[in-house]
C-alpha atoms as a PDB file:
ATOM      1  CA  UNK A   1     148.545  14.130  21.058  1.00  0.00           C
ATOM      2  CA  UNK A   2     145.586  15.871  22.735  1.00  0.00           C
ATOM      3  CA  UNK A   3     143.279  13.034  21.673  1.00  0.00           C
ATOM      4  CA  UNK A   4     145.669  10.463  23.157  1.00  0.00           C
ATOM      5  CA  UNK A   5     145.796  12.281  26.523  1.00  0.00           C
ATOM      6  CA  UNK A   6     142.018  12.643  26.592  1.00  0.00           C
ATOM      7  CA  UNK A   7     141.738   8.868  26.080  1.00  0.00           C
ATOM      8  CA  UNK A   8     144.487   8.065  28.614  1.00  0.00           C
ATOM      9  CA  UNK A   9     143.120  10.266  31.408  1.00  0.00           C
ATOM     10  CA  UNK A  10     139.955   8.165  32.117  1.00  0.00           C
ATOM     11  CA  UNK A  11     142.028   4.967  32.165  1.00  0.00           C
ATOM     12  CA  UNK A  12     144.430   6.419  34.736  1.00  0.00           C
ATOM     13  CA  UNK A  13     141.583   7.771  36.879  1.00  0.00           C
ATOM     14  CA  UNK A  14     139.771   4.408  36.739  1.00  0.00           C
ATOM     15  CA  UNK A  15     142.967   2.590  37.730  1.00  0.00           C
ATOM     16  CA  UNK A  16     143.585   4.896  40.698  1.00  0.00           C
ATOM     17  CA  UNK A  17     139.957   4.696  41.873  1.00  0.00           C
ATOM     18  CA  UNK A  18     139.824   0.903  41.551  1.00  0.00           C
ATOM     19  CA  UNK A  19     143.179   0.556  43.320  1.00  0.00           C
ATOM     20  CA  UNK A  20     141.922   2.732  46.200  1.00  0.00           C
ATOM     21  CA  UNK A  21     138.741   0.695  46.500  1.00  0.00           C
ATOM     22  CA  UNK A  22     140.196  -2.813  46.069  1.00  0.00           C
ATOM     23  CA  UNK A  23     143.488  -2.231  47.879  1.00  0.00           C
ATOM     24  CA  UNK A  24     142.274   0.107  50.596  1.00  0.00           C
ATOM     25  CA  UNK A  25     138.596   0.588  51.312  1.00  0.00           C
ATOM     26  CA  UNK A  26     137.384  -2.979  50.716  1.00  0.00           C
ATOM     27  CA  UNK A  27     140.106  -4.726  52.782  1.00  0.00           C
ATOM     28  CA  UNK A  28     139.575  -2.252  55.636  1.00  0.00           C
ATOM     29  CA  UNK A  29     135.811  -2.832  55.547  1.00  0.00           C
ATOM     30  CA  UNK A  30     136.139  -6.626  55.526  1.00  0.00           C
ATOM     31  CA  UNK A  31     138.757  -6.550  58.300  1.00  0.00           C
ATOM     32  CA  UNK A  32     136.570  -4.281  60.416  1.00  0.00           C
ATOM     33  CA  UNK A  33     133.534  -6.534  59.994  1.00  0.00           C
ATOM     34  CA  UNK A  34     135.595  -9.653  60.742  1.00  0.00           C
ATOM     35  CA  UNK A  35     137.154  -8.170  63.877  1.00  0.00           C
ATOM     36  CA  UNK A  36     133.751  -7.046  65.101  1.00  0.00           C
ATOM     37  CA  UNK A  37     131.591 -10.048  64.231  1.00  0.00           C
ATOM     38  CA  UNK A  38     134.206 -12.826  64.445  1.00  0.00           C
ATOM     39  CA  UNK A  39     136.741 -11.564  66.986  1.00  0.00           C
ATOM     40  CA  UNK A  40     138.264 -14.928  67.947  1.00  0.00           C
ATOM     41  CA  UNK A  41     138.450 -16.278  64.385  1.00  0.00           C
ATOM     42  CA  UNK A  42     139.919 -13.078  62.960  1.00  0.00           C
ATOM     43  CA  UNK A  43     142.654 -13.248  65.599  1.00  0.00           C
ATOM     44  CA  UNK A  44     143.609 -16.752  64.437  1.00  0.00           C
ATOM     45  CA  UNK A  45     141.466 -18.876  66.798  1.00  0.00           C
ATOM     46  CA  UNK A  46     144.383 -18.960  69.207  1.00  0.00           C
ATOM     47  CA  UNK A  47     144.311 -21.395  72.111  1.00  0.00           C
ATOM     48  CA  UNK A  48     145.964 -20.202  75.312  1.00  0.00           C
ATOM     49  CA  UNK A  49     146.853 -21.893  78.574  1.00  0.00           C
ATOM     50  CA  UNK A  50     145.609 -20.705  81.970  1.00  0.00           C
ATOM     51  CA  UNK A  51     148.454 -18.153  82.100  1.00  0.00           C
ATOM     52  CA  UNK A  52     147.470 -16.634  78.745  1.00  0.00           C
ATOM     53  CA  UNK A  53     150.436 -18.153  76.859  1.00  0.00           C
ATOM     54  CA  UNK A  54     149.548 -19.084  73.274  1.00  0.00           C
ATOM     55  CA  UNK A  55     149.748 -22.845  72.753  1.00  0.00           C
ATOM     56  CA  UNK A  56     148.559 -22.975  69.160  1.00  0.00           C
ATOM     57  CA  UNK A  57     145.663 -22.317  66.841  1.00  0.00           C
ATOM     58  CA  UNK A  58     142.527 -24.387  66.499  1.00  0.00           C
ATOM     59  CA  UNK A  59     142.888 -23.814  62.741  1.00  0.00           C
ATOM     60  CA  UNK A  60     146.412 -25.214  62.252  1.00  0.00           C
ATOM     61  CA  UNK A  61     147.687 -28.737  62.729  1.00  0.00           C
ATOM     62  CA  UNK A  62     150.623 -29.450  64.986  1.00  0.00           C
ATOM     63  CA  UNK A  63     152.840 -32.477  65.254  1.00  0.00           C
ATOM     64  CA  UNK A  64     152.266 -34.867  68.140  1.00  0.00           C
ATOM     65  CA  UNK A  65     154.341 -38.044  68.143  1.00  0.00           C
ATOM     66  CA  UNK A  66     154.257 -39.361  71.737  1.00  0.00           C
ATOM     67  CA  UNK A  67     152.051 -42.356  72.502  1.00  0.00           C
ATOM     68  CA  UNK A  68     149.915 -40.416  75.017  1.00  0.00           C
ATOM     69  CA  UNK A  69     148.703 -38.069  72.274  1.00  0.00           C
ATOM     70  CA  UNK A  70     146.485 -38.460  69.258  1.00  0.00           C
ATOM     71  CA  UNK A  71     148.530 -38.101  66.104  1.00  0.00           C
ATOM     72  CA  UNK A  72     147.470 -35.696  63.349  1.00  0.00           C
ATOM     73  CA  UNK A  73     147.428 -36.205  59.613  1.00  0.00           C
ATOM     74  CA  UNK A  74     150.819 -36.391  57.934  1.00  0.00           C
ATOM     75  CA  UNK A  75     152.060 -32.993  56.780  1.00  0.00           C
ATOM     76  CA  UNK A  76     153.775 -31.952  53.567  1.00  0.00           C
ATOM     77  CA  UNK A  77     154.220 -28.370  54.822  1.00  0.00           C
ATOM     78  CA  UNK A  78     157.905 -27.526  54.968  1.00  0.00           C
ATOM     79  CA  UNK A  79     159.626 -29.443  57.746  1.00  0.00           C
ATOM     80  CA  UNK A  80     156.280 -30.754  58.987  1.00  0.00           C
ATOM     81  CA  UNK A  81     153.482 -28.443  60.114  1.00  0.00           C
ATOM     82  CA  UNK A  82     155.422 -25.312  59.147  1.00  0.00           C
ATOM     83  CA  UNK A  83     152.725 -22.679  58.557  1.00  0.00           C
ATOM     84  CA  UNK A  84     155.196 -20.519  56.627  1.00  0.00           C
ATOM     85  CA  UNK A  85     155.584 -23.351  54.099  1.00  0.00           C
ATOM     86  CA  UNK A  86     151.979 -24.465  53.781  1.00  0.00           C
ATOM     87  CA  UNK A  87     151.610 -26.720  50.781  1.00  0.00           C
ATOM     88  CA  UNK A  88     150.754 -30.143  49.560  1.00  0.00           C
ATOM     89  CA  UNK A  89     153.234 -32.643  48.201  1.00  0.00           C
ATOM     90  CA  UNK A  90     152.034 -32.129  44.604  1.00  0.00           C
ATOM     91  CA  UNK A  91     152.283 -35.883  44.114  1.00  0.00           C
ATOM     92  CA  UNK A  92     149.400 -37.359  42.139  1.00  0.00           C
ATOM     93  CA  UNK A  93     147.620 -40.715  42.368  1.00  0.00           C
ATOM     94  CA  UNK A  94     149.909 -42.271  39.764  1.00  0.00           C
ATOM     95  CA  UNK A  95     153.069 -41.234  41.631  1.00  0.00           C
ATOM     96  CA  UNK A  96     155.119 -44.223  42.759  1.00  0.00           C
ATOM     97  CA  UNK A  97     156.763 -42.032  45.408  1.00  0.00           C
ATOM     98  CA  UNK A  98     153.343 -41.199  46.891  1.00  0.00           C
ATOM     99  CA  UNK A  99     152.195 -44.838  46.746  1.00  0.00           C
ATOM    100  CA  UNK A 100     155.377 -46.002  48.498  1.00  0.00           C
ATOM    101  CA  UNK A 101     155.003 -43.315  51.186  1.00  0.00           C
ATOM    102  CA  UNK A 102     151.376 -44.322  51.803  1.00  0.00           C
ATOM    103  CA  UNK A 103     152.314 -48.002  52.107  1.00  0.00           C
ATOM    104  CA  UNK A 104     155.018 -47.099  54.656  1.00  0.00           C
ATOM    105  CA  UNK A 105     152.595 -44.893  56.594  1.00  0.00           C
ATOM    106  CA  UNK A 106     149.939 -47.638  56.633  1.00  0.00           C
ATOM    107  CA  UNK A 107     152.418 -50.162  58.045  1.00  0.00           C
ATOM    108  CA  UNK A 108     153.676 -47.673  60.646  1.00  0.00           C
ATOM    109  CA  UNK A 109     150.126 -46.694  61.650  1.00  0.00           C
ATOM    110  CA  UNK A 110     149.097 -50.320  62.123  1.00  0.00           C
ATOM    111  CA  UNK A 111     152.203 -51.077  64.173  1.00  0.00           C
ATOM    112  CA  UNK A 112     151.967 -47.922  66.302  1.00  0.00           C
ATOM    113  CA  UNK A 113     148.299 -48.528  67.120  1.00  0.00           C
ATOM    114  CA  UNK A 114     148.492 -52.310  67.572  1.00  0.00           C
ATOM    115  CA  UNK A 115     146.243 -53.095  64.619  1.00  0.00           C
ATOM    116  CA  UNK A 116     146.095 -56.314  62.622  1.00  0.00           C
ATOM    117  CA  UNK A 117     148.304 -56.405  59.511  1.00  0.00           C
ATOM    118  CA  UNK A 118     145.206 -56.304  57.299  1.00  0.00           C
ATOM    119  CA  UNK A 119     143.241 -53.705  59.303  1.00  0.00           C
ATOM    120  CA  UNK A 120     141.667 -50.913  57.280  1.00  0.00           C
ATOM    121  CA  UNK A 121     143.399 -47.580  57.857  1.00  0.00           C
ATOM    122  CA  UNK A 122     141.532 -44.289  57.286  1.00  0.00           C
ATOM    123  CA  UNK A 123     142.845 -42.230  54.381  1.00  0.00           C
ATOM    124  CA  UNK A 124     143.428 -39.181  56.589  1.00  0.00           C
ATOM    125  CA  UNK A 125     145.852 -41.197  58.717  1.00  0.00           C
ATOM    126  CA  UNK A 126     148.243 -41.730  55.806  1.00  0.00           C
ATOM    127  CA  UNK A 127     147.718 -38.787  53.430  1.00  0.00           C
ATOM    128  CA  UNK A 128     148.482 -35.112  53.923  1.00  0.00           C
ATOM    129  CA  UNK A 129     145.839 -32.481  53.376  1.00  0.00           C
ATOM    130  CA  UNK A 130     146.166 -29.918  50.601  1.00  0.00           C
ATOM    131  CA  UNK A 131     147.679 -27.338  52.949  1.00  0.00           C
ATOM    132  CA  UNK A 132     149.604 -29.834  55.065  1.00  0.00           C
ATOM    133  CA  UNK A 133     148.170 -28.081  58.142  1.00  0.00           C
ATOM    134  CA  UNK A 134     144.755 -29.692  58.655  1.00  0.00           C
ATOM    135  CA  UNK A 135     143.968 -29.554  62.409  1.00  0.00           C
ATOM    136  CA  UNK A 136     141.354 -32.323  62.259  1.00  0.00           C
ATOM    137  CA  UNK A 137     141.360 -36.075  61.923  1.00  0.00           C
ATOM    138  CA  UNK A 138     138.385 -38.281  61.156  1.00  0.00           C
ATOM    139  CA  UNK A 139     136.420 -39.863  63.977  1.00  0.00           C
ATOM    140  CA  UNK A 140     137.489 -43.297  62.697  1.00  0.00           C
ATOM    141  CA  UNK A 141     141.151 -42.252  62.837  1.00  0.00           C
ATOM    142  CA  UNK A 142     140.699 -41.076  66.438  1.00  0.00           C
ATOM    143  CA  UNK A 143     138.876 -44.291  67.391  1.00  0.00           C
ATOM    144  CA  UNK A 144     141.724 -46.433  66.034  1.00  0.00           C
ATOM    145  CA  UNK A 145     144.233 -44.472  68.142  1.00  0.00           C
ATOM    146  CA  UNK A 146     142.135 -44.710  71.330  1.00  0.00           C
ATOM    147  CA  UNK A 147     143.606 -47.939  72.745  1.00  0.00           C
ATOM    148  CA  UNK A 148     147.199 -46.682  72.363  1.00  0.00           C
ATOM    149  CA  UNK A 149     146.426 -43.343  74.024  1.00  0.00           C
ATOM    150  CA  UNK A 150     144.404 -44.913  76.855  1.00  0.00           C
ATOM    151  CA  UNK A 151     147.203 -47.387  77.595  1.00  0.00           C
ATOM    152  CA  UNK A 152     149.910 -44.703  77.561  1.00  0.00           C
ATOM    153  CA  UNK A 153     147.890 -42.505  79.948  1.00  0.00           C
ATOM    154  CA  UNK A 154     146.653 -45.395  82.106  1.00  0.00           C
ATOM    155  CA  UNK A 155     143.131 -44.198  81.378  1.00  0.00           C
ATOM    156  CA  UNK A 156     140.023 -46.168  80.488  1.00  0.00           C
ATOM    157  CA  UNK A 157     139.157 -46.497  76.804  1.00  0.00           C
ATOM    158  CA  UNK A 158     135.636 -45.280  77.645  1.00  0.00           C
ATOM    159  CA  UNK A 159     136.990 -42.034  79.150  1.00  0.00           C
ATOM    160  CA  UNK A 160     139.137 -41.401  76.057  1.00  0.00           C
ATOM    161  CA  UNK A 161     136.122 -42.068  73.826  1.00  0.00           C
ATOM    162  CA  UNK A 162     134.110 -39.535  75.859  1.00  0.00           C
ATOM    163  CA  UNK A 163     136.808 -36.922  75.200  1.00  0.00           C
ATOM    164  CA  UNK A 164     136.743 -37.755  71.493  1.00  0.00           C
ATOM    165  CA  UNK A 165     132.974 -37.240  71.437  1.00  0.00           C
ATOM    166  CA  UNK A 166     133.290 -33.867  73.202  1.00  0.00           C
ATOM    167  CA  UNK A 167     135.919 -32.674  70.716  1.00  0.00           C
ATOM    168  CA  UNK A 168     134.185 -33.931  67.590  1.00  0.00           C
ATOM    169  CA  UNK A 169     132.950 -31.081  65.416  1.00  0.00           C
ATOM    170  CA  UNK A 170     130.061 -31.723  63.082  1.00  0.00           C
ATOM    171  CA  UNK A 171     130.605 -30.391  59.595  1.00  0.00           C
ATOM    172  CA  UNK A 172     128.029 -28.676  57.434  1.00  0.00           C
ATOM    173  CA  UNK A 173     129.754 -29.824  54.229  1.00  0.00           C
ATOM    174  CA  UNK A 174     131.305 -33.189  55.045  1.00  0.00           C
ATOM    175  CA  UNK A 175     132.197 -35.718  57.688  1.00  0.00           C
ATOM    176  CA  UNK A 176     132.658 -34.824  61.335  1.00  0.00           C
ATOM    177  CA  UNK A 177     136.237 -34.191  62.466  1.00  0.00           C
ATOM    178  CA  UNK A 178     138.188 -34.242  65.705  1.00  0.00           C
ATOM    179  CA  UNK A 179     140.439 -31.269  66.484  1.00  0.00           C
ATOM    180  CA  UNK A 180     143.725 -32.916  67.495  1.00  0.00           C
ATOM    181  CA  UNK A 181     145.152 -29.985  69.475  1.00  0.00           C
ATOM    182  CA  UNK A 182     141.973 -29.471  71.524  1.00  0.00           C
ATOM    183  CA  UNK A 183     141.677 -33.211  72.191  1.00  0.00           C
ATOM    184  CA  UNK A 184     145.307 -33.510  73.280  1.00  0.00           C
ATOM    185  CA  UNK A 185     144.959 -30.497  75.573  1.00  0.00           C
ATOM    186  CA  UNK A 186     141.900 -32.153  77.129  1.00  0.00           C
ATOM    187  CA  UNK A 187     144.003 -35.287  77.703  1.00  0.00           C
ATOM    188  CA  UNK A 188     146.703 -33.184  79.382  1.00  0.00           C
ATOM    189  CA  UNK A 189     144.044 -31.695  81.668  1.00  0.00           C
ATOM    190  CA  UNK A 190     142.957 -35.153  82.920  1.00  0.00           C
END
């Protein structure tokens, strides 16, 4: 029995020490560094209005459906853009349900934006991201929505394109993207 306890003691001590480090010290250290070096991002990259009221986060997509706004990617998160239910649809490329949904979204996108029946539609306009909360759309997606938005706001297409350019973020890893919330807030400010 003494031999068993002498073997068990180091395992228990190692477990307690590792738990203290991985569940306490390390998270506190990382949180402290993040809140010091990346204050805005660690607070959620919240966007506020002039009165300080939180409008949303630059990191999370929101639903915009009115013609005067740029529309985001479709969302599979809960009841649409529900951050508490972030998820993809889990439908794969061979799923008939996914293929039917994409065909419906393509037709709706073309109709909504006044495009020709055979116009190419960007993939991000008709497919949800993995989280269902992607805040960005492709530049091509934004460009195809420009005429609709300009008409609804009685604004020149050139002015809307200028706003798209200002709110286009270059990506280190992939294609540039347009933050939909920031762009729509800029439209509201016009």
